[in-house]
Amino acid sequence: MGDEEEELTKKIRQLVKKQFDGDFRKGFDHYDSIDGQDLKIGSSALEQLLADAHVGNFLTRKLWVEGVLKALDKDQDGAISWDEFASILEDSPQSKEEPAKKPGEDSSPDK
């Protein structure tokens, strides 16, 4: 991970810890609701997230948005899904729909 990615991840983690009690899904859901994207963070919500996390400034933030979308938007739909968002966070929590598995737990239904 590059220095910019590490700084971005660190600032997002700090924001989520401070404003959402460390709950990444709650933070994602908050920003998802800003621009009306269906379970995704669009460019205007991403810009707000970056501003809240003190990433860039009013002159550079649009460039940050473009860079983050380019790096994370794997399906190239112009928005960040929960899986794409969680992919940048080491040890990120599972989504509410997918509880974390305990060590040794098998996910196959044929047990």
Protein backbone atom coordinates (compact mmCIF):
# COMPACT_ATOMS: atom_id res chain seq x y z
CA MET A 1 0.00 0.00 0.00
CA GLY A 2 1.35 3.42 -0.96
CA ASP A 3 1.79 6.35 1.42
CA GLU A 4 -1.31 8.13 0.09
CA GLU A 5 -3.43 4.98 0.47
CA GLU A 6 -2.15 4.45 4.01
CA GLU A 7 -2.92 8.06 4.94
CA LEU A 8 -6.38 7.83 3.36
CA THR A 9 -7.14 4.60 5.22
CA LYS A 10 -5.86 6.06 8.49
CA LYS A 11 -7.99 9.19 8.15
CA ILE A 12 -11.11 7.20 7.25
CA ARG A 13 -10.54 4.91 10.24
CA GLN A 14 -10.19 7.97 12.52
CA LEU A 15 -13.38 9.49 11.11
CA VAL A 16 -15.34 6.28 11.58
CA LYS A 17 -14.01 5.83 15.11
CA LYS A 18 -14.89 9.41 16.08
CA GLN A 19 -18.29 9.83 14.38
CA PHE A 20 -19.61 6.26 14.14
CA ASP A 21 -18.13 4.52 17.21
CA GLY A 22 -15.78 2.52 14.97
CA ASP A 23 -18.64 0.91 13.03
CA PHE A 24 -17.53 0.98 9.37
CA ARG A 25 -20.90 -0.23 8.13
CA LYS A 26 -22.68 2.57 9.99
CA GLY A 27 -20.26 5.05 8.40
CA PHE A 28 -20.80 3.56 4.97
CA ASP A 29 -24.57 3.69 5.40
CA HIS A 30 -24.38 7.36 6.46
CA TYR A 31 -22.48 8.39 3.32
CA ASP A 32 -24.57 6.09 1.13
CA SER A 33 -27.65 8.09 2.15
CA ILE A 34 -26.17 11.45 1.07
CA ASP A 35 -26.56 11.21 -2.69
CA GLY A 36 -29.35 8.68 -3.05
CA GLN A 37 -27.20 5.92 -4.56
CA ASP A 38 -28.66 2.48 -3.92
CA LEU A 39 -26.27 0.94 -1.37
CA LYS A 40 -23.32 2.81 -2.87
CA ILE A 41 -21.31 5.93 -2.17
CA GLY A 42 -21.45 8.22 -5.20
CA SER A 43 -18.99 10.98 -6.06
CA SER A 44 -20.73 13.75 -4.08
CA ALA A 45 -20.97 11.54 -0.98
CA LEU A 46 -17.36 10.47 -1.45
CA GLU A 47 -16.34 14.11 -1.63
CA GLN A 48 -18.17 14.74 1.66
CA LEU A 49 -16.54 11.68 3.28
CA LEU A 50 -13.10 12.92 2.23
CA ALA A 51 -13.87 16.42 3.54
CA ASP A 52 -15.06 14.99 6.86
CA ALA A 53 -11.90 12.87 7.07
CA HIS A 54 -9.74 15.94 6.26
CA VAL A 55 -8.37 14.41 3.08
CA GLY A 56 -7.20 17.04 0.60
CA ASN A 57 -8.68 20.53 0.51
CA PHE A 58 -11.31 22.36 -1.51
CA LEU A 59 -8.83 22.72 -4.39
CA THR A 60 -7.68 19.08 -4.51
CA ARG A 61 -10.68 17.12 -3.24
CA LYS A 62 -12.20 16.49 -6.71
CA LEU A 63 -8.87 14.95 -7.75
CA TRP A 64 -8.96 12.76 -4.65
CA VAL A 65 -12.50 11.65 -5.54
CA GLU A 66 -11.38 10.73 -9.06
CA GLY A 67 -8.37 8.83 -7.71
CA VAL A 68 -10.37 6.94 -5.10
CA LEU A 69 -13.03 6.00 -7.65
CA LYS A 70 -10.36 4.86 -10.10
CA ALA A 71 -8.70 2.72 -7.43
CA LEU A 72 -11.78 1.25 -5.74
CA ASP A 73 -14.62 1.20 -8.27
CA LYS A 74 -13.95 -2.30 -9.59
CA ASP A 75 -17.25 -2.60 -11.47
CA GLN A 76 -16.80 0.90 -12.93
CA ASP A 77 -20.32 2.09 -12.12
CA GLY A 78 -19.15 5.46 -10.78
CA ALA A 79 -19.82 4.62 -7.14
CA ILE A 80 -18.29 2.67 -4.25
CA SER A 81 -20.15 -0.41 -2.99
CA TRP A 82 -19.77 -1.79 0.54
CA ASP A 83 -17.37 -4.51 -0.68
CA GLU A 84 -15.27 -1.95 -2.56
CA PHE A 85 -15.25 0.34 0.51
CA ALA A 86 -14.37 -2.46 2.91
CA SER A 87 -11.54 -3.65 0.65
CA ILE A 88 -9.35 -0.71 1.69
CA LEU A 89 -9.78 -1.29 5.39
CA GLU A 90 -7.55 -3.93 6.89
CA ASP A 91 -9.48 -6.06 9.36
CA SER A 92 -12.65 -4.37 8.18
CA PRO A 93 -15.84 -5.61 9.79
CA GLN A 94 -18.16 -7.82 7.79
CA SER A 95 -21.37 -6.32 6.51
CA LYS A 96 -24.46 -6.69 8.71
CA GLU A 97 -25.80 -9.30 6.29
CA GLU A 98 -22.60 -11.37 6.48
CA PRO A 99 -21.59 -12.06 10.09
CA ALA A 100 -17.93 -12.81 10.64
CA LYS A 101 -17.09 -16.52 10.71
CA LYS A 102 -15.38 -18.01 13.71
CA PRO A 103 -12.07 -19.81 13.14
CA GLY A 104 -12.68 -23.33 11.92
CA GLU A 105 -16.25 -22.64 10.85
CA ASP A 106 -17.19 -24.16 7.51
CA SER A 107 -19.43 -22.13 5.21
CA SER A 108 -20.74 -25.12 3.27
CA PRO A 109 -24.42 -25.94 3.93
CA ASP A 110 -23.87 -29.72 3.60
CA LYS A 111 -22.66 -30.28 7.16
